[in-house]
N, C-alpha and C. Protein backbone atom coordinates (compact mmCIF):
# COMPACT_ATOMS: atom_id res chain seq x y z
N UNK A 1 -13.79 -9.09 28.72
CA UNK A 1 -14.23 -8.81 27.45
C UNK A 1 -12.64 -9.65 26.56
N UNK A 2 -13.05 -10.27 25.36
CA UNK A 2 -12.31 -10.49 24.14
C UNK A 2 -11.47 -9.91 23.68
N UNK A 3 -10.65 -9.78 23.83
CA UNK A 3 -9.43 -8.69 22.89
C UNK A 3 -9.48 -9.02 21.09
N UNK A 4 -9.93 -7.62 20.80
CA UNK A 4 -9.57 -7.99 19.23
C UNK A 4 -8.34 -7.70 18.62
N UNK A 5 -7.64 -8.40 17.75
CA UNK A 5 -6.22 -8.18 17.53
C UNK A 5 -6.56 -6.81 16.50
N UNK A 6 -5.52 -5.66 16.59
CA UNK A 6 -6.10 -4.55 15.51
C UNK A 6 -5.25 -4.60 14.37
N UNK A 7 -5.92 -4.42 13.83
CA UNK A 7 -5.66 -4.64 12.16
C UNK A 7 -4.66 -2.94 11.46
N UNK A 8 -3.67 -3.03 10.99
CA UNK A 8 -3.22 -2.90 10.65
C UNK A 8 -3.79 -1.21 9.67
N UNK A 9 -3.78 -0.25 9.81
CA UNK A 9 -4.03 0.69 8.62
C UNK A 9 -3.97 0.61 7.17
N UNK A 10 -3.03 -0.11 6.88
CA UNK A 10 -2.00 -0.37 5.54
C UNK A 10 -2.82 -1.74 5.54
N UNK A 11 -3.19 -2.19 4.39
CA UNK A 11 -2.81 -3.65 3.91
C UNK A 11 -1.30 -4.09 3.29
N UNK A 12 -0.54 -4.48 3.83
CA UNK A 12 0.55 -4.22 3.33
C UNK A 12 0.89 -5.36 2.39
N UNK A 13 0.43 -6.90 2.62
CA UNK A 13 0.51 -7.82 1.84
C UNK A 13 -0.82 -7.34 0.62
N UNK A 14 -1.57 -6.55 0.69
CA UNK A 14 -2.26 -6.52 -0.89
C UNK A 14 -1.47 -5.33 -1.69
N UNK A 15 -0.60 -4.54 -0.55
CA UNK A 15 -0.06 -3.42 -1.15
C UNK A 15 1.17 -3.94 -2.30
N UNK A 16 1.70 -5.04 -1.98
CA UNK A 16 2.81 -6.13 -2.15
C UNK A 16 2.37 -6.44 -3.51
N UNK A 17 1.45 -6.94 -3.53
CA UNK A 17 0.26 -8.16 -4.42
C UNK A 17 0.26 -7.38 -5.65
N UNK A 18 -0.38 -6.14 -5.06
CA UNK A 18 -0.56 -5.20 -6.07
C UNK A 18 0.77 -4.63 -7.36
N UNK A 19 1.75 -4.36 -6.52
CA UNK A 19 3.38 -4.01 -7.24
C UNK A 19 3.68 -4.71 -7.60
N UNK A 20 3.58 -6.17 -7.16
CA UNK A 20 4.26 -7.65 -7.74
C UNK A 20 3.36 -7.63 -9.44
N UNK A 21 2.41 -7.50 -9.17
CA UNK A 21 1.42 -7.82 -10.19
C UNK A 21 2.04 -7.10 -11.55
N UNK A 22 1.90 -6.01 -11.19
CA UNK A 22 2.78 -4.78 -12.69
C UNK A 22 1.58 -4.74 -13.78
N UNK A 23 1.45 -4.06 -14.53
CA UNK A 23 0.73 -3.50 -15.30
C UNK A 23 0.84 -4.48 -16.75
N UNK A 24 -0.81 -4.44 -17.34
CA UNK A 24 -0.81 -5.59 -18.57
C UNK A 24 -1.35 -4.38 -19.29
N UNK A 25 -1.05 -4.85 -21.00
CA UNK A 25 -1.17 -4.10 -21.98
C UNK A 25 -3.28 -4.34 -22.35
N UNK A 26 -3.61 -3.30 -22.56
CA UNK A 26 -4.92 -2.97 -22.82
C UNK A 26 -5.41 -3.66 -24.12
N UNK A 27 -4.45 -3.60 -25.21
CA UNK A 27 -4.31 -4.31 -26.31
C UNK A 27 -4.05 -5.62 -26.50
N UNK A 28 -2.88 -6.05 -26.24
CA UNK A 28 -2.53 -7.56 -26.36
C UNK A 28 -2.48 -8.39 -24.71
N UNK A 29 -2.80 -8.00 -24.16
CA UNK A 29 -2.76 -8.42 -22.58
C UNK A 29 -1.46 -8.63 -21.78
N UNK A 30 -0.34 -8.79 -22.52
CA UNK A 30 1.04 -8.93 -21.93
C UNK A 30 1.42 -7.91 -21.52
N UNK A 31 2.49 -8.03 -20.49
CA UNK A 31 3.11 -7.47 -19.52
C UNK A 31 3.79 -5.72 -20.21
N UNK A 32 3.55 -5.00 -19.65
CA UNK A 32 3.87 -3.53 -20.10
C UNK A 32 5.59 -3.65 -19.20
N UNK A 33 6.43 -3.60 -20.39
CA UNK A 33 7.68 -3.26 -19.87
C UNK A 33 8.38 -1.33 -19.37
N UNK A 34 8.78 -1.07 -18.65
CA UNK A 34 8.62 0.18 -18.21
C UNK A 34 10.66 0.24 -18.00
N UNK A 35 11.03 1.51 -19.21
CA UNK A 35 12.21 1.67 -19.38
C UNK A 35 12.65 2.99 -18.84
N UNK A 36 13.70 3.44 -18.76
CA UNK A 36 14.08 5.09 -18.66
C UNK A 36 14.78 5.69 -19.68
N UNK A 37 14.09 5.95 -20.37
CA UNK A 37 14.88 6.80 -21.38
C UNK A 37 15.23 8.09 -21.39
N UNK A 38 17.21 8.54 -22.16
CA UNK A 38 17.13 9.80 -21.56
C UNK A 38 17.45 10.09 -23.29
N UNK A 39 16.38 11.62 -22.89
CA UNK A 39 17.02 12.37 -24.46
C UNK A 39 18.50 12.90 -24.56
N UNK A 40 18.49 13.31 -25.74
CA UNK A 40 19.93 14.08 -26.08
C UNK A 40 20.34 14.96 -25.40
N UNK A 41 19.29 16.06 -24.59
CA UNK A 41 19.67 17.12 -24.15
C UNK A 41 19.27 16.50 -22.39
N UNK A 42 19.68 15.36 -21.95
CA UNK A 42 19.78 14.63 -20.61
C UNK A 42 18.50 14.10 -20.02
N UNK A 43 17.53 14.75 -20.33
CA UNK A 43 16.02 14.51 -19.59
C UNK A 43 15.90 13.14 -19.62
N UNK A 44 15.71 12.91 -18.48
CA UNK A 44 14.78 11.07 -18.09
C UNK A 44 13.47 11.10 -18.19
N UNK A 45 13.13 10.15 -18.72
CA UNK A 45 11.42 9.80 -18.94
C UNK A 45 11.33 8.38 -18.41
N UNK A 46 10.39 8.21 -18.19
CA UNK A 46 10.07 6.51 -17.71
C UNK A 46 8.91 6.55 -18.71
N UNK A 47 9.30 5.21 -19.40
CA UNK A 47 9.03 5.23 -20.81
C UNK A 47 7.85 3.49 -20.68
N UNK A 48 6.37 3.19 -20.83
CA UNK A 48 6.43 2.49 -20.82
C UNK A 48 6.22 1.76 -22.41
N UNK A 49 6.49 0.41 -22.93
CA UNK A 49 6.41 0.05 -24.00
C UNK A 49 6.11 -1.41 -24.18
N UNK A 50 5.14 -1.59 -24.96
CA UNK A 50 4.20 -2.59 -25.14
C UNK A 50 3.96 -2.76 -27.10
N UNK A 51 3.44 -3.91 -27.68
CA UNK A 51 2.76 -3.91 -29.12
C UNK A 51 3.76 -2.61 -30.12
N UNK A 52 5.11 -2.93 -29.55
CA UNK A 52 6.04 -2.00 -30.42
C UNK A 52 5.58 -0.64 -30.23
N UNK A 53 5.12 0.11 -29.32
CA UNK A 53 4.91 1.66 -29.18
C UNK A 53 6.40 2.05 -28.45
C-alpha cells in the first residue's frame, strides 16, 4: 500500500498567516494599533487604537 504523508494536527502556516494579518477596524478598515497603556497606579492594559478612540 502507498504510504500517506501524515498531516500535522496544527496547521502552522495558517496560524502564522492569521497572526501576521492583524485586525482591521470595523468602521474605517484600517489596521488597528495595539499599545500597552500604563495607568498612574501602575496597572498595565493593552489598548486597540483606531479612528481616534
